[in-house]
Amino acid sequence: MPASLLVPVLAAATIDFNENATSRDPDDRRGPVEFVQALGVERVEQYLGLLTSGGPLVPIGAAVDQARGDAAPDTTNGGAPR
């Protein structure tokens, strides 16, 4: 994973961890450790997928357009001029 994606992926993972890891008491480390150990590839792919919706990942065609300086068509108003 590129280092530039690490921060947003960890942000998503941290939220998931805080909401879903269970601790039986304040000194319990087993519950959080088991949550992390049980993470599958699918879950990490979901974290990466979140970066495509308003995050740093964009489809290849859009990235090429941005690099060339082409503006994407404005579809917020049905394509009508403002």
C-alpha atoms as a PDB file:
ATOM      1  CA  MET A   1       0.000   0.000   0.000  1.00  0.00           C
ATOM      2  CA  PRO A   2       1.416   3.418  -0.880  1.00  0.00           C
ATOM      3  CA  ALA A   3       2.275   5.563   2.126  1.00  0.00           C
ATOM      4  CA  SER A   4      -0.038   8.340   0.909  1.00  0.00           C
ATOM      5  CA  LEU A   5      -3.032   6.028   1.428  1.00  0.00           C
ATOM      6  CA  LEU A   6      -2.055   4.914   4.906  1.00  0.00           C
ATOM      7  CA  VAL A   7      -3.542   7.855   6.824  1.00  0.00           C
ATOM      8  CA  PRO A   8      -7.045   7.713   5.268  1.00  0.00           C
ATOM      9  CA  VAL A   9      -7.133   3.898   5.502  1.00  0.00           C
ATOM     10  CA  LEU A  10      -6.145   4.029   9.159  1.00  0.00           C
ATOM     11  CA  ALA A  11      -8.807   6.673   9.782  1.00  0.00           C
ATOM     12  CA  ALA A  12     -11.492   4.316   8.451  1.00  0.00           C
ATOM     13  CA  ALA A  13      -9.987   1.373  10.329  1.00  0.00           C
ATOM     14  CA  THR A  14      -9.870   3.342  13.578  1.00  0.00           C
ATOM     15  CA  ILE A  15     -13.552   4.219  13.372  1.00  0.00           C
ATOM     16  CA  ASP A  16     -14.394   0.585  12.664  1.00  0.00           C
ATOM     17  CA  PHE A  17     -12.163  -0.547  15.538  1.00  0.00           C
ATOM     18  CA  ASN A  18     -13.728   1.888  18.018  1.00  0.00           C
ATOM     19  CA  GLU A  19     -17.253   0.872  17.070  1.00  0.00           C
ATOM     20  CA  ASN A  20     -16.809  -2.894  16.801  1.00  0.00           C
ATOM     21  CA  ALA A  21     -13.961  -4.077  19.041  1.00  0.00           C
ATOM     22  CA  THR A  22     -15.236  -5.364  22.356  1.00  0.00           C
ATOM     23  CA  SER A  23     -13.520  -5.102  25.710  1.00  0.00           C
ATOM     24  CA  ARG A  24     -14.795  -6.943  28.718  1.00  0.00           C
ATOM     25  CA  ASP A  25     -13.113  -4.561  31.179  1.00  0.00           C
ATOM     26  CA  PRO A  26     -10.756  -1.528  31.045  1.00  0.00           C
ATOM     27  CA  ASP A  27      -7.617  -3.716  31.183  1.00  0.00           C
ATOM     28  CA  ASP A  28      -8.810  -6.204  28.574  1.00  0.00           C
ATOM     29  CA  ARG A  29      -6.515  -6.400  25.569  1.00  0.00           C
ATOM     30  CA  ARG A  30      -7.736  -9.701  24.239  1.00  0.00           C
ATOM     31  CA  GLY A  31     -10.938  -8.329  22.665  1.00  0.00           C
ATOM     32  CA  PRO A  32      -9.265  -5.580  20.622  1.00  0.00           C
ATOM     33  CA  VAL A  33      -6.410  -7.909  19.621  1.00  0.00           C
ATOM     34  CA  GLU A  34      -8.880 -10.550  18.452  1.00  0.00           C
ATOM     35  CA  PHE A  35     -10.729  -7.916  16.399  1.00  0.00           C
ATOM     36  CA  VAL A  36      -7.537  -6.897  14.612  1.00  0.00           C
ATOM     37  CA  GLN A  37      -6.416 -10.481  14.074  1.00  0.00           C
ATOM     38  CA  ALA A  38      -9.802 -11.360  12.584  1.00  0.00           C
ATOM     39  CA  LEU A  39      -9.613  -8.596   9.958  1.00  0.00           C
ATOM     40  CA  GLY A  40      -9.815 -10.166   6.544  1.00  0.00           C
ATOM     41  CA  VAL A  41      -8.717  -8.985   3.149  1.00  0.00           C
ATOM     42  CA  GLU A  42     -12.310  -8.058   2.348  1.00  0.00           C
ATOM     43  CA  ARG A  43     -12.482  -5.616   5.253  1.00  0.00           C
ATOM     44  CA  VAL A  44      -9.227  -3.903   4.262  1.00  0.00           C
ATOM     45  CA  GLU A  45     -10.517  -3.692   0.687  1.00  0.00           C
ATOM     46  CA  GLN A  46     -13.602  -1.955   2.070  1.00  0.00           C
ATOM     47  CA  TYR A  47     -11.363   0.597   3.789  1.00  0.00           C
ATOM     48  CA  LEU A  48      -9.624   1.202   0.458  1.00  0.00           C
ATOM     49  CA  GLY A  49     -12.976   1.369  -1.320  1.00  0.00           C
ATOM     50  CA  LEU A  50     -14.052   4.191   0.971  1.00  0.00           C
ATOM     51  CA  LEU A  51     -11.238   6.290  -0.495  1.00  0.00           C
ATOM     52  CA  THR A  52     -12.938   6.285  -3.905  1.00  0.00           C
ATOM     53  CA  SER A  53     -15.993   8.125  -2.604  1.00  0.00           C
ATOM     54  CA  GLY A  54     -14.709  11.619  -2.006  1.00  0.00           C
ATOM     55  CA  GLY A  55     -11.223  10.476  -1.054  1.00  0.00           C
ATOM     56  CA  PRO A  56      -7.842  10.538  -2.764  1.00  0.00           C
ATOM     57  CA  LEU A  57      -8.541   7.640  -5.131  1.00  0.00           C
ATOM     58  CA  VAL A  58     -10.185   8.491  -8.445  1.00  0.00           C
ATOM     59  CA  PRO A  59     -10.936   6.388 -11.533  1.00  0.00           C
ATOM     60  CA  ILE A  60      -8.076   6.223 -14.043  1.00  0.00           C
ATOM     61  CA  GLY A  61      -9.918   8.297 -16.659  1.00  0.00           C
ATOM     62  CA  ALA A  62     -10.604  11.087 -14.171  1.00  0.00           C
ATOM     63  CA  ALA A  63      -6.972  11.081 -13.040  1.00  0.00           C
ATOM     64  CA  VAL A  64      -5.782  11.462 -16.629  1.00  0.00           C
ATOM     65  CA  ASP A  65      -8.237  14.315 -17.205  1.00  0.00           C
ATOM     66  CA  GLN A  66      -7.036  16.063 -14.044  1.00  0.00           C
ATOM     67  CA  ALA A  67      -3.406  15.647 -15.061  1.00  0.00           C
ATOM     68  CA  ARG A  68      -4.125  17.198 -18.478  1.00  0.00           C
ATOM     69  CA  GLY A  69      -6.119  19.994 -16.884  1.00  0.00           C
ATOM     70  CA  ASP A  70      -9.407  18.979 -18.493  1.00  0.00           C
ATOM     71  CA  ALA A  71     -12.361  19.991 -16.395  1.00  0.00           C
ATOM     72  CA  ALA A  72     -14.922  17.344 -15.679  1.00  0.00           C
ATOM     73  CA  PRO A  73     -18.427  18.296 -16.772  1.00  0.00           C
ATOM     74  CA  ASP A  74     -20.531  19.820 -14.027  1.00  0.00           C
ATOM     75  CA  THR A  75     -23.346  17.405 -13.319  1.00  0.00           C
ATOM     76  CA  THR A  76     -24.559  18.973 -10.084  1.00  0.00           C
ATOM     77  CA  ASN A  77     -27.260  20.939 -11.923  1.00  0.00           C
ATOM     78  CA  GLY A  78     -28.088  18.350 -14.548  1.00  0.00           C
ATOM     79  CA  GLY A  79     -25.307  19.743 -16.761  1.00  0.00           C
ATOM     80  CA  ALA A  80     -27.127  23.079 -17.185  1.00  0.00           C
ATOM     81  CA  PRO A  81     -25.020  26.228 -17.081  1.00  0.00           C
ATOM     82  CA  ARG A  82     -25.167  28.259 -13.912  1.00  0.00           C
END
